[in-house]
PDB file of all heavy atoms in Angstrom:
ATOM      1  N   GLU A   1       0.805  -1.222   0.000  1.00  0.00           N
ATOM      2  CA  GLU A   1       0.000   0.000   0.000  1.00  0.00           C
ATOM      3  C   GLU A   1       0.842   1.278   0.000  1.00  0.00           C
ATOM      4  O   GLU A   1       0.297   2.381   0.072  1.00  0.00           O
ATOM      5  CB  GLU A   1      -0.925   0.009   1.230  1.00  0.00           C
ATOM      6  CG  GLU A   1      -1.850  -1.202   1.323  1.00  0.00           C
ATOM      7  CD  GLU A   1      -2.786  -1.293   0.129  1.00  0.00           C
ATOM      8  OE1 GLU A   1      -3.168  -0.218  -0.403  1.00  0.00           O
ATOM      9  OE2 GLU A   1      -3.131  -2.413  -0.281  1.00  0.00           O
ATOM     10  N   ASN A   2       2.137   1.125  -0.078  1.00  0.00           N
ATOM     11  CA  ASN A   2       3.014   2.302  -0.086  1.00  0.00           C
ATOM     12  C   ASN A   2       2.870   3.052  -1.414  1.00  0.00           C
ATOM     13  O   ASN A   2       3.010   2.450  -2.487  1.00  0.00           O
ATOM     14  CB  ASN A   2       4.472   1.855   0.108  1.00  0.00           C
ATOM     15  CG  ASN A   2       5.397   3.010   0.440  1.00  0.00           C
ATOM     16  OD1 ASN A   2       5.223   4.134  -0.027  1.00  0.00           O
ATOM     17  ND2 ASN A   2       6.400   2.729   1.262  1.00  0.00           N
ATOM     18  N   PRO A   3       2.567   4.344  -1.410  1.00  0.00           N
ATOM     19  CA  PRO A   3       2.420   5.081  -2.673  1.00  0.00           C
ATOM     20  C   PRO A   3       3.727   5.250  -3.425  1.00  0.00           C
ATOM     21  O   PRO A   3       3.721   5.494  -4.642  1.00  0.00           O
ATOM     22  CB  PRO A   3       1.855   6.436  -2.225  1.00  0.00           C
ATOM     23  CG  PRO A   3       2.300   6.589  -0.800  1.00  0.00           C
ATOM     24  CD  PRO A   3       2.299   5.201  -0.228  1.00  0.00           C
ATOM     25  N   ASN A   4       4.865   5.121  -2.739  1.00  0.00           N
ATOM     26  CA  ASN A   4       6.164   5.226  -3.401  1.00  0.00           C
ATOM     27  C   ASN A   4       6.526   3.895  -4.038  1.00  0.00           C
ATOM     28  O   ASN A   4       6.241   2.830  -3.487  1.00  0.00           O
ATOM     29  CB  ASN A   4       7.247   5.628  -2.404  1.00  0.00           C
ATOM     30  CG  ASN A   4       7.043   7.028  -1.866  1.00  0.00           C
ATOM     31  OD1 ASN A   4       6.645   7.929  -2.602  1.00  0.00           O
ATOM     32  ND2 ASN A   4       7.305   7.217  -0.585  1.00  0.00           N
ATOM     33  N   ASP A   5       7.178   3.960  -5.195  1.00  0.00           N
ATOM     34  CA  ASP A   5       7.672   2.741  -5.827  1.00  0.00           C
ATOM     35  C   ASP A   5       9.185   2.838  -5.947  1.00  0.00           C
ATOM     36  O   ASP A   5       9.836   3.555  -5.176  1.00  0.00           O
ATOM     37  CB  ASP A   5       6.973   2.487  -7.164  1.00  0.00           C
ATOM     38  CG  ASP A   5       7.158   3.639  -8.148  1.00  0.00           C
ATOM     39  OD1 ASP A   5       8.071   4.469  -7.944  1.00  0.00           O
ATOM     40  OD2 ASP A   5       6.399   3.707  -9.135  1.00  0.00           O
ATOM     41  N   ASN A   6       9.773   2.137  -6.909  1.00  0.00           N
ATOM     42  CA  ASN A   6      11.229   2.136  -7.025  1.00  0.00           C
ATOM     43  C   ASN A   6      11.805   3.495  -7.381  1.00  0.00           C
ATOM     44  O   ASN A   6      12.992   3.748  -7.131  1.00  0.00           O
ATOM     45  CB  ASN A   6      11.669   1.088  -8.049  1.00  0.00           C
ATOM     46  CG  ASN A   6      11.651  -0.317  -7.474  1.00  0.00           C
ATOM     47  OD1 ASN A   6      12.479  -0.672  -6.640  1.00  0.00           O
ATOM     48  ND2 ASN A   6      10.690  -1.115  -7.911  1.00  0.00           N
ATOM     49  N   SER A   7      10.985   4.386  -7.941  1.00  0.00           N
ATOM     50  CA  SER A   7      11.466   5.747  -8.184  1.00  0.00           C
ATOM     51  C   SER A   7      11.731   6.467  -6.868  1.00  0.00           C
ATOM     52  O   SER A   7      12.487   7.444  -6.826  1.00  0.00           O
ATOM     53  CB  SER A   7      10.439   6.530  -9.013  1.00  0.00           C
ATOM     54  OG  SER A   7       9.210   6.651  -8.312  1.00  0.00           O
ATOM     55  N   GLY A   8      11.112   5.966  -5.784  1.00  0.00           N
ATOM     56  CA  GLY A   8      11.360   6.487  -4.443  1.00  0.00           C
ATOM     57  C   GLY A   8      12.082   5.484  -3.563  1.00  0.00           C
ATOM     58  O   GLY A   8      11.948   5.518  -2.335  1.00  0.00           O
ATOM     59  N   ASN A   9      12.810   4.552  -4.210  1.00  0.00           N
ATOM     60  CA  ASN A   9      13.618   3.533  -3.519  1.00  0.00           C
ATOM     61  C   ASN A   9      12.769   2.548  -2.700  1.00  0.00           C
ATOM     62  O   ASN A   9      13.232   2.019  -1.691  1.00  0.00           O
ATOM     63  CB  ASN A   9      14.673   4.181  -2.609  1.00  0.00           C
ATOM     64  CG  ASN A   9      15.691   4.981  -3.387  1.00  0.00           C
ATOM     65  OD1 ASN A   9      16.126   4.569  -4.467  1.00  0.00           O
ATOM     66  ND2 ASN A   9      16.053   6.147  -2.873  1.00  0.00           N
ATOM     67  N   GLN A  10      11.534   2.291  -3.139  1.00  0.00           N
ATOM     68  CA  GLN A  10      10.678   1.334  -2.447  1.00  0.00           C
ATOM     69  C   GLN A  10      10.339   0.181  -3.386  1.00  0.00           C
ATOM     70  O   GLN A  10       9.666   0.362  -4.398  1.00  0.00           O
ATOM     71  CB  GLN A  10       9.381   2.006  -1.969  1.00  0.00           C
ATOM     72  CG  GLN A  10       9.569   3.012  -0.864  1.00  0.00           C
ATOM     73  CD  GLN A  10      10.023   2.381   0.435  1.00  0.00           C
ATOM     74  OE1 GLN A  10       9.728   1.219   0.712  1.00  0.00           O
ATOM     75  NE2 GLN A  10      10.725   3.133   1.259  1.00  0.00           N
ATOM     76  N   PHE A  11      10.816  -1.018  -3.028  1.00  0.00           N
ATOM     77  CA  PHE A  11      10.470  -2.222  -3.784  1.00  0.00           C
ATOM     78  C   PHE A  11       9.249  -2.846  -3.115  1.00  0.00           C
ATOM     79  O   PHE A  11       9.280  -3.156  -1.924  1.00  0.00           O
ATOM     80  CB  PHE A  11      11.640  -3.212  -3.794  1.00  0.00           C
ATOM     81  CG  PHE A  11      11.439  -4.373  -4.716  1.00  0.00           C
ATOM     82  CD1 PHE A  11      11.783  -4.275  -6.058  1.00  0.00           C
ATOM     83  CD2 PHE A  11      10.882  -5.551  -4.254  1.00  0.00           C
ATOM     84  CE1 PHE A  11      11.590  -5.346  -6.924  1.00  0.00           C
ATOM     85  CE2 PHE A  11      10.686  -6.628  -5.110  1.00  0.00           C
ATOM     86  CZ  PHE A  11      11.042  -6.513  -6.446  1.00  0.00           C
ATOM     87  N   ARG A  12       8.176  -3.057  -3.879  1.00  0.00           N
ATOM     88  CA  ARG A  12       6.906  -3.463  -3.294  1.00  0.00           C
ATOM     89  C   ARG A  12       6.515  -4.890  -3.694  1.00  0.00           C
ATOM     90  O   ARG A  12       6.755  -5.316  -4.828  1.00  0.00           O
ATOM     91  CB  ARG A  12       5.801  -2.484  -3.717  1.00  0.00           C
ATOM     92  CG  ARG A  12       6.081  -1.041  -3.299  1.00  0.00           C
ATOM     93  CD  ARG A  12       4.990  -0.102  -3.749  1.00  0.00           C
ATOM     94  NE  ARG A  12       4.860  -0.065  -5.209  1.00  0.00           N
ATOM     95  CZ  ARG A  12       3.945   0.645  -5.864  1.00  0.00           C
ATOM     96  NH1 ARG A  12       3.069   1.366  -5.177  1.00  0.00           N
ATOM     97  NH2 ARG A  12       3.895   0.648  -7.188  1.00  0.00           N
ATOM     98  N   GLN A  13       5.876  -5.584  -2.734  1.00  0.00           N
ATOM     99  CA  GLN A  13       5.367  -6.937  -2.948  1.00  0.00           C
ATOM    100  C   GLN A  13       3.924  -7.016  -2.467  1.00  0.00           C
ATOM    101  O   GLN A  13       3.476  -6.171  -1.692  1.00  0.00           O
ATOM    102  CB  GLN A  13       6.199  -7.955  -2.162  1.00  0.00           C
ATOM    103  CG  GLN A  13       7.695  -7.903  -2.407  1.00  0.00           C
ATOM    104  CD  GLN A  13       8.437  -8.766  -1.406  1.00  0.00           C
ATOM    105  OE1 GLN A  13       8.601  -9.958  -1.598  1.00  0.00           O
ATOM    106  NE2 GLN A  13       8.881  -8.161  -0.320  1.00  0.00           N
ATOM    107  N   VAL A  14       3.222  -8.055  -2.903  1.00  0.00           N
ATOM    108  CA  VAL A  14       1.865  -8.261  -2.404  1.00  0.00           C
ATOM    109  C   VAL A  14       1.922  -8.763  -0.964  1.00  0.00           C
ATOM    110  O   VAL A  14       2.924  -9.357  -0.525  1.00  0.00           O
ATOM    111  CB  VAL A  14       1.068  -9.241  -3.287  1.00  0.00           C
ATOM    112  CG1 VAL A  14       0.970  -8.718  -4.717  1.00  0.00           C
ATOM    113  CG2 VAL A  14       1.683 -10.635  -3.256  1.00  0.00           C
ATOM    114  N   THR A  15       0.851  -8.542  -0.242  1.00  0.00           N
ATOM    115  CA  THR A  15       0.808  -8.923   1.170  1.00  0.00           C
ATOM    116  C   THR A  15       0.514 -10.404   1.356  1.00  0.00           C
ATOM    117  O   THR A  15       1.116 -11.069   2.200  1.00  0.00           O
ATOM    118  CB  THR A  15      -0.252  -8.087   1.909  1.00  0.00           C
ATOM    119  OG1 THR A  15       0.074  -6.701   1.773  1.00  0.00           O
ATOM    120  CG2 THR A  15      -0.306  -8.448   3.390  1.00  0.00           C
ATOM    121  N   ASN A  16      -0.409 -10.951   0.575  1.00  0.00           N
ATOM    122  CA  ASN A  16      -0.845 -12.329   0.753  1.00  0.00           C
ATOM    123  C   ASN A  16      -0.215 -13.241  -0.294  1.00  0.00           C
ATOM    124  O   ASN A  16      -0.293 -12.964  -1.501  1.00  0.00           O
ATOM    125  CB  ASN A  16      -2.368 -12.420   0.672  1.00  0.00           C
ATOM    126  CG  ASN A  16      -3.041 -11.668   1.811  1.00  0.00           C
ATOM    127  OD1 ASN A  16      -2.842 -11.983   2.968  1.00  0.00           O
ATOM    128  ND2 ASN A  16      -3.825 -10.644   1.472  1.00  0.00           N
ATOM    129  N   VAL A  17       0.400 -14.311   0.176  1.00  0.00           N
ATOM    130  CA  VAL A  17       1.103 -15.253  -0.691  1.00  0.00           C
ATOM    131  C   VAL A  17       0.572 -16.661  -0.400  1.00  0.00           C
ATOM    132  O   VAL A  17       0.418 -17.047   0.765  1.00  0.00           O
ATOM    133  CB  VAL A  17       2.632 -15.214  -0.454  1.00  0.00           C
ATOM    134  CG1 VAL A  17       3.346 -16.122  -1.442  1.00  0.00           C
ATOM    135  CG2 VAL A  17       3.161 -13.789  -0.548  1.00  0.00           C
ATOM    136  N   PHE A  18       0.317 -17.414  -1.471  1.00  0.00           N
ATOM    137  CA  PHE A  18      -0.137 -18.799  -1.334  1.00  0.00           C
ATOM    138  C   PHE A  18       0.969 -19.718  -1.854  1.00  0.00           C
ATOM    139  O   PHE A  18       1.578 -19.454  -2.897  1.00  0.00           O
ATOM    140  CB  PHE A  18      -1.438 -19.012  -2.098  1.00  0.00           C
ATOM    141  CG  PHE A  18      -2.560 -18.141  -1.591  1.00  0.00           C
ATOM    142  CD1 PHE A  18      -2.806 -16.900  -2.159  1.00  0.00           C
ATOM    143  CD2 PHE A  18      -3.336 -18.547  -0.516  1.00  0.00           C
ATOM    144  CE1 PHE A  18      -3.815 -16.078  -1.684  1.00  0.00           C
ATOM    145  CE2 PHE A  18      -4.351 -17.735  -0.021  1.00  0.00           C
ATOM    146  CZ  PHE A  18      -4.590 -16.503  -0.613  1.00  0.00           C
ATOM    147  N   ASN A  19       1.211 -20.808  -1.109  1.00  0.00           N
ATOM    148  CA  ASN A  19       2.345 -21.682  -1.392  1.00  0.00           C
ATOM    149  C   ASN A  19       1.934 -23.143  -1.357  1.00  0.00           C
ATOM    150  O   ASN A  19       0.895 -23.503  -0.791  1.00  0.00           O
ATOM    151  CB  ASN A  19       3.454 -21.496  -0.344  1.00  0.00           C
ATOM    152  CG  ASN A  19       3.706 -20.058   0.037  1.00  0.00           C
ATOM    153  OD1 ASN A  19       4.430 -19.346  -0.642  1.00  0.00           O
ATOM    154  ND2 ASN A  19       3.112 -19.620   1.139  1.00  0.00           N
ATOM    155  N   TYR A  20       2.788 -23.986  -1.932  1.00  0.00           N
ATOM    156  CA  TYR A  20       2.748 -25.412  -1.604  1.00  0.00           C
ATOM    157  C   TYR A  20       4.097 -25.792  -1.007  1.00  0.00           C
ATOM    158  O   TYR A  20       5.113 -25.137  -1.280  1.00  0.00           O
ATOM    159  CB  TYR A  20       2.386 -26.284  -2.812  1.00  0.00           C
ATOM    160  CG  TYR A  20       3.413 -26.340  -3.921  1.00  0.00           C
ATOM    161  CD1 TYR A  20       4.401 -27.328  -3.942  1.00  0.00           C
ATOM    162  CD2 TYR A  20       3.390 -25.422  -4.978  1.00  0.00           C
ATOM    163  CE1 TYR A  20       5.321 -27.398  -4.965  1.00  0.00           C
ATOM    164  CE2 TYR A  20       4.307 -25.482  -5.997  1.00  0.00           C
ATOM    165  CZ  TYR A  20       5.272 -26.475  -5.999  1.00  0.00           C
ATOM    166  OH  TYR A  20       6.203 -26.544  -7.009  1.00  0.00           O
ATOM    167  N   GLU A  21       4.094 -26.822  -0.166  1.00  0.00           N
ATOM    168  CA  GLU A  21       5.297 -27.184   0.584  1.00  0.00           C
ATOM    169  C   GLU A  21       5.543 -28.698   0.495  1.00  0.00           C
ATOM    170  O   GLU A  21       4.597 -29.489   0.539  1.00  0.00           O
ATOM    171  CB  GLU A  21       5.162 -26.762   2.052  1.00  0.00           C
ATOM    172  CG  GLU A  21       4.866 -25.272   2.234  1.00  0.00           C
ATOM    173  CD  GLU A  21       5.002 -24.792   3.662  1.00  0.00           C
ATOM    174  OE1 GLU A  21       5.532 -25.567   4.493  1.00  0.00           O
ATOM    175  OE2 GLU A  21       4.596 -23.655   3.958  1.00  0.00           O
ATOM    176  N   LEU A  22       6.813 -29.069   0.386  1.00  0.00           N
ATOM    177  CA  LEU A  22       7.237 -30.469   0.346  1.00  0.00           C
ATOM    178  C   LEU A  22       8.484 -30.623   1.200  1.00  0.00           C
ATOM    179  O   LEU A  22       9.365 -29.754   1.168  1.00  0.00           O
ATOM    180  CB  LEU A  22       7.557 -30.907  -1.092  1.00  0.00           C
ATOM    181  CG  LEU A  22       6.420 -30.917  -2.117  1.00  0.00           C
ATOM    182  CD1 LEU A  22       6.978 -31.143  -3.513  1.00  0.00           C
ATOM    183  CD2 LEU A  22       5.410 -31.995  -1.768  1.00  0.00           C
ATOM    184  N   GLY A  23       8.564 -31.713   1.950  1.00  0.00           N
ATOM    185  CA  GLY A  23       9.747 -31.908   2.787  1.00  0.00           C
ATOM    186  C   GLY A  23       9.885 -33.312   3.317  1.00  0.00           C
ATOM    187  O   GLY A  23       9.100 -34.214   2.985  1.00  0.00           O
ATOM    188  N   PHE A  24      10.882 -33.496   4.140  1.00  0.00           N
ATOM    189  CA  PHE A  24      11.154 -34.790   4.762  1.00  0.00           C
ATOM    190  C   PHE A  24      11.866 -34.560   6.082  1.00  0.00           C
ATOM    191  O   PHE A  24      12.397 -33.470   6.343  1.00  0.00           O
ATOM    192  CB  PHE A  24      12.016 -35.675   3.843  1.00  0.00           C
ATOM    193  CG  PHE A  24      13.375 -35.095   3.551  1.00  0.00           C
ATOM    194  CD1 PHE A  24      14.463 -35.418   4.346  1.00  0.00           C
ATOM    195  CD2 PHE A  24      13.565 -34.218   2.497  1.00  0.00           C
ATOM    196  CE1 PHE A  24      15.712 -34.879   4.096  1.00  0.00           C
ATOM    197  CE2 PHE A  24      14.814 -33.675   2.245  1.00  0.00           C
ATOM    198  CZ  PHE A  24      15.892 -34.003   3.035  1.00  0.00           C
ATOM    199  N   GLY A  25      11.887 -35.577   6.915  1.00  0.00           N
ATOM    200  CA  GLY A  25      12.558 -35.455   8.205  1.00  0.00           C
ATOM    201  C   GLY A  25      12.576 -36.783   8.927  1.00  0.00           C
ATOM    202  O   GLY A  25      12.155 -37.821   8.388  1.00  0.00           O
ATOM    203  N   ILE A  26      13.057 -36.776  10.163  1.00  0.00           N
ATOM    204  CA  ILE A  26      13.136 -37.982  10.995  1.00  0.00           C
ATOM    205  C   ILE A  26      12.714 -37.622  12.408  1.00  0.00           C
ATOM    206  O   ILE A  26      13.219 -36.655  12.987  1.00  0.00           O
ATOM    207  CB  ILE A  26      14.565 -38.578  11.015  1.00  0.00           C
ATOM    208  CG1 ILE A  26      15.021 -38.938   9.595  1.00  0.00           C
ATOM    209  CG2 ILE A  26      14.614 -39.816  11.897  1.00  0.00           C
ATOM    210  CD1 ILE A  26      16.440 -39.470   9.539  1.00  0.00           C
ATOM    211  N   ASP A  27      11.780 -38.380  12.959  1.00  0.00           N
ATOM    212  CA  ASP A  27      11.405 -38.253  14.368  1.00  0.00           C
ATOM    213  C   ASP A  27      12.371 -39.083  15.212  1.00  0.00           C
ATOM    214  O   ASP A  27      12.541 -40.282  14.958  1.00  0.00           O
ATOM    215  CB  ASP A  27       9.982 -38.778  14.602  1.00  0.00           C
ATOM    216  CG  ASP A  27       8.918 -37.870  13.996  1.00  0.00           C
ATOM    217  OD1 ASP A  27       9.146 -36.662  13.937  1.00  0.00           O
ATOM    218  OD2 ASP A  27       7.861 -38.392  13.598  1.00  0.00           O
ATOM    219  N   PHE A  28      12.970 -38.461  16.203  1.00  0.00           N
ATOM    220  CA  PHE A  28      13.827 -39.159  17.160  1.00  0.00           C
ATOM    221  C   PHE A  28      13.113 -39.172  18.515  1.00  0.00           C
ATOM    222  O   PHE A  28      12.787 -38.115  19.057  1.00  0.00           O
ATOM    223  CB  PHE A  28      15.186 -38.465  17.281  1.00  0.00           C
ATOM    224  CG  PHE A  28      16.051 -38.621  16.070  1.00  0.00           C
ATOM    225  CD1 PHE A  28      16.140 -37.597  15.130  1.00  0.00           C
ATOM    226  CD2 PHE A  28      16.771 -39.782  15.854  1.00  0.00           C
ATOM    227  CE1 PHE A  28      16.927 -37.719  14.006  1.00  0.00           C
ATOM    228  CE2 PHE A  28      17.574 -39.921  14.720  1.00  0.00           C
ATOM    229  CZ  PHE A  28      17.649 -38.890  13.795  1.00  0.00           C
ATOM    230  N   TYR A  29      12.898 -40.354  19.061  1.00  0.00           N
ATOM    231  CA  TYR A  29      12.172 -40.506  20.323  1.00  0.00           C
ATOM    232  C   TYR A  29      13.153 -40.500  21.483  1.00  0.00           C
ATOM    233  O   TYR A  29      13.958 -41.434  21.648  1.00  0.00           O
ATOM    234  CB  TYR A  29      11.375 -41.811  20.310  1.00  0.00           C
ATOM    235  CG  TYR A  29      10.275 -41.840  19.283  1.00  0.00           C
ATOM    236  CD1 TYR A  29      10.559 -42.092  17.942  1.00  0.00           C
ATOM    237  CD2 TYR A  29       8.956 -41.604  19.644  1.00  0.00           C
ATOM    238  CE1 TYR A  29       9.550 -42.124  16.993  1.00  0.00           C
ATOM    239  CE2 TYR A  29       7.935 -41.625  18.692  1.00  0.00           C
ATOM    240  CZ  TYR A  29       8.247 -41.887  17.370  1.00  0.00           C
ATOM    241  OH  TYR A  29       7.244 -41.904  16.426  1.00  0.00           O
ATOM    242  N   LEU A  30      13.095 -39.448  22.269  1.00  0.00           N
ATOM    243  CA  LEU A  30      13.909 -39.340  23.465  1.00  0.00           C
ATOM    244  C   LEU A  30      13.044 -39.666  24.681  1.00  0.00           C
ATOM    245  O   LEU A  30      11.859 -39.998  24.548  1.00  0.00           O
ATOM    246  CB  LEU A  30      14.509 -37.937  23.564  1.00  0.00           C
ATOM    247  CG  LEU A  30      15.279 -37.474  22.315  1.00  0.00           C
ATOM    248  CD1 LEU A  30      15.819 -36.070  22.509  1.00  0.00           C
ATOM    249  CD2 LEU A  30      16.389 -38.443  21.958  1.00  0.00           C
ATOM    250  N   TYR A  31      13.606 -39.580  25.862  1.00  0.00           N
ATOM    251  CA  TYR A  31      12.847 -40.007  27.042  1.00  0.00           C
ATOM    252  C   TYR A  31      11.703 -39.047  27.364  1.00  0.00           C
ATOM    253  O   TYR A  31      10.576 -39.477  27.629  1.00  0.00           O
ATOM    254  CB  TYR A  31      13.783 -40.130  28.255  1.00  0.00           C
ATOM    255  CG  TYR A  31      13.073 -40.652  29.487  1.00  0.00           C
ATOM    256  CD1 TYR A  31      12.642 -41.975  29.552  1.00  0.00           C
ATOM    257  CD2 TYR A  31      12.823 -39.812  30.569  1.00  0.00           C
ATOM    258  CE1 TYR A  31      11.973 -42.457  30.670  1.00  0.00           C
ATOM    259  CE2 TYR A  31      12.165 -40.280  31.685  1.00  0.00           C
ATOM    260  CZ  TYR A  31      11.741 -41.596  31.740  1.00  0.00           C
ATOM    261  OH  TYR A  31      11.068 -42.060  32.840  1.00  0.00           O
ATOM    262  N   TYR A  32      11.974 -37.729  27.283  1.00  0.00           N
ATOM    263  CA  TYR A  32      10.961 -36.743  27.674  1.00  0.00           C
ATOM    264  C   TYR A  32      10.225 -36.102  26.494  1.00  0.00           C
ATOM    265  O   TYR A  32       9.158 -35.517  26.685  1.00  0.00           O
ATOM    266  CB  TYR A  32      11.590 -35.633  28.516  1.00  0.00           C
ATOM    267  CG  TYR A  32      11.945 -36.072  29.912  1.00  0.00           C
ATOM    268  CD1 TYR A  32      13.270 -36.269  30.277  1.00  0.00           C
ATOM    269  CD2 TYR A  32      10.956 -36.297  30.865  1.00  0.00           C
ATOM    270  CE1 TYR A  32      13.607 -36.680  31.560  1.00  0.00           C
ATOM    271  CE2 TYR A  32      11.275 -36.697  32.153  1.00  0.00           C
ATOM    272  CZ  TYR A  32      12.599 -36.884  32.495  1.00  0.00           C
ATOM    273  OH  TYR A  32      12.926 -37.287  33.762  1.00  0.00           O
ATOM    274  N   PHE A  33      10.768 -36.153  25.314  1.00  0.00           N
ATOM    275  CA  PHE A  33      10.121 -35.497  24.176  1.00  0.00           C
ATOM    276  C   PHE A  33      10.601 -36.130  22.876  1.00  0.00           C
ATOM    277  O   PHE A  33      11.563 -36.914  22.853  1.00  0.00           O
ATOM    278  CB  PHE A  33      10.409 -33.991  24.175  1.00  0.00           C
ATOM    279  CG  PHE A  33      11.871 -33.641  24.076  1.00  0.00           C
ATOM    280  CD1 PHE A  33      12.491 -33.478  22.850  1.00  0.00           C
ATOM    281  CD2 PHE A  33      12.633 -33.463  25.231  1.00  0.00           C
ATOM    282  CE1 PHE A  33      13.835 -33.157  22.765  1.00  0.00           C
ATOM    283  CE2 PHE A  33      13.977 -33.137  25.163  1.00  0.00           C
ATOM    284  CZ  PHE A  33      14.580 -32.986  23.919  1.00  0.00           C
ATOM    285  N   LYS A  34       9.906 -35.753  21.798  1.00  0.00           N
ATOM    286  CA  LYS A  34      10.267 -36.203  20.461  1.00  0.00           C
ATOM    287  C   LYS A  34      10.959 -35.041  19.744  1.00  0.00           C
ATOM    288  O   LYS A  34      10.408 -33.940  19.640  1.00  0.00           O
ATOM    289  CB  LYS A  34       9.022 -36.659  19.702  1.00  0.00           C
ATOM    290  CG  LYS A  34       9.305 -37.241  18.327  1.00  0.00           C
ATOM    291  CD  LYS A  34       8.112 -38.014  17.768  1.00  0.00           C
ATOM    292  CE  LYS A  34       6.890 -37.141  17.595  1.00  0.00           C
ATOM    293  NZ  LYS A  34       5.785 -37.893  16.929  1.00  0.00           N
ATOM    294  N   PHE A  35      12.152 -35.294  19.248  1.00  0.00           N
ATOM    295  CA  PHE A  35      12.952 -34.274  18.567  1.00  0.00           C
ATOM    296  C   PHE A  35      12.968 -34.590  17.074  1.00  0.00           C
ATOM    297  O   PHE A  35      13.280 -35.718  16.673  1.00  0.00           O
ATOM    298  CB  PHE A  35      14.370 -34.264  19.122  1.00  0.00           C
ATOM    299  CG  PHE A  35      15.322 -33.406  18.332  1.00  0.00           C
ATOM    300  CD1 PHE A  35      15.158 -32.033  18.295  1.00  0.00           C
ATOM    301  CD2 PHE A  35      16.375 -33.969  17.638  1.00  0.00           C
ATOM    302  CE1 PHE A  35      16.033 -31.232  17.562  1.00  0.00           C
ATOM    303  CE2 PHE A  35      17.261 -33.193  16.922  1.00  0.00           C
ATOM    304  CZ  PHE A  35      17.085 -31.815  16.881  1.00  0.00           C
ATOM    305  N   THR A  36      12.642 -33.576  16.250  1.00  0.00           N
ATOM    306  CA  THR A  36      12.482 -33.818  14.814  1.00  0.00           C
ATOM    307  C   THR A  36      13.221 -32.772  13.995  1.00  0.00           C
ATOM    308  O   THR A  36      12.766 -31.620  13.892  1.00  0.00           O
ATOM    309  CB  THR A  36      10.996 -33.792  14.414  1.00  0.00           C
ATOM    310  OG1 THR A  36      10.264 -34.712  15.216  1.00  0.00           O
ATOM    311  CG2 THR A  36      10.828 -34.137  12.947  1.00  0.00           C
ATOM    312  N   PRO A  37      14.357 -33.121  13.389  1.00  0.00           N
ATOM    313  CA  PRO A  37      14.951 -32.246  12.377  1.00  0.00           C
ATOM    314  C   PRO A  37      14.281 -32.517  11.033  1.00  0.00           C
ATOM    315  O   PRO A  37      13.983 -33.670  10.687  1.00  0.00           O
ATOM    316  CB  PRO A  37      16.425 -32.667  12.359  1.00  0.00           C
ATOM    317  CG  PRO A  37      16.407 -34.092  12.825  1.00  0.00           C
ATOM    318  CD  PRO A  37      15.218 -34.263  13.721  1.00  0.00           C
ATOM    319  N   SER A  38      14.020 -31.466  10.278  1.00  0.00           N
ATOM    320  CA  SER A  38      13.365 -31.639   8.979  1.00  0.00           C
ATOM    321  C   SER A  38      13.821 -30.556   8.016  1.00  0.00           C
ATOM    322  O   SER A  38      14.233 -29.466   8.420  1.00  0.00           O
ATOM    323  CB  SER A  38      11.841 -31.605   9.121  1.00  0.00           C
ATOM    324  OG  SER A  38      11.403 -30.334   9.575  1.00  0.00           O
ATOM    325  N   ILE A  39      13.718 -30.865   6.729  1.00  0.00           N
ATOM    326  CA  ILE A  39      14.006 -29.926   5.656  1.00  0.00           C
ATOM    327  C   ILE A  39      12.756 -29.822   4.791  1.00  0.00           C
ATOM    328  O   ILE A  39      12.166 -30.840   4.422  1.00  0.00           O
ATOM    329  CB  ILE A  39      15.209 -30.370   4.809  1.00  0.00           C
ATOM    330  CG1 ILE A  39      16.490 -30.377   5.658  1.00  0.00           C
ATOM    331  CG2 ILE A  39      15.391 -29.479   3.595  1.00  0.00           C
ATOM    332  CD1 ILE A  39      17.715 -30.876   4.909  1.00  0.00           C
ATOM    333  N   ARG A  40      12.350 -28.580   4.490  1.00  0.00           N
ATOM    334  CA  ARG A  40      11.135 -28.403   3.701  1.00  0.00           C
ATOM    335  C   ARG A  40      11.318 -27.277   2.689  1.00  0.00           C
ATOM    336  O   ARG A  40      11.909 -26.240   2.997  1.00  0.00           O
ATOM    337  CB  ARG A  40       9.957 -28.089   4.619  1.00  0.00           C
ATOM    338  CG  ARG A  40       8.614 -28.168   3.910  1.00  0.00           C
ATOM    339  CD  ARG A  40       7.476 -28.443   4.876  1.00  0.00           C
ATOM    340  NE  ARG A  40       7.103 -27.286   5.651  1.00  0.00           N
ATOM    341  CZ  ARG A  40       7.106 -27.229   6.982  1.00  0.00           C
ATOM    342  NH1 ARG A  40       7.513 -28.269   7.686  1.00  0.00           N
ATOM    343  NH2 ARG A  40       6.718 -26.143   7.613  1.00  0.00           N
ATOM    344  N   GLY A  41      10.824 -27.511   1.489  1.00  0.00           N
ATOM    345  CA  GLY A  41      10.816 -26.497   0.450  1.00  0.00           C
ATOM    346  C   GLY A  41       9.474 -25.791   0.410  1.00  0.00           C
ATOM    347  O   GLY A  41       8.423 -26.422   0.558  1.00  0.00           O
ATOM    348  N   VAL A  42       9.513 -24.468   0.213  1.00  0.00           N
ATOM    349  CA  VAL A  42       8.301 -23.642   0.145  1.00  0.00           C
ATOM    350  C   VAL A  42       8.285 -22.954  -1.226  1.00  0.00           C
ATOM    351  O   VAL A  42       9.253 -22.289  -1.603  1.00  0.00           O
ATOM    352  CB  VAL A  42       8.279 -22.585   1.263  1.00  0.00           C
ATOM    353  CG1 VAL A  42       6.994 -21.763   1.195  1.00  0.00           C
ATOM    354  CG2 VAL A  42       8.409 -23.248   2.629  1.00  0.00           C
TER     355      VAL A  42
END
């Protein structure tokens, strides 16, 4: 919604973005909690 654009040094983007996501990871079962490292593409 900024009235200035790149002529005023403002690079503008839309506010709402829709994505799909894909990834993988491993659940590690510890005594008190489950720890999960994962990698995901957006």
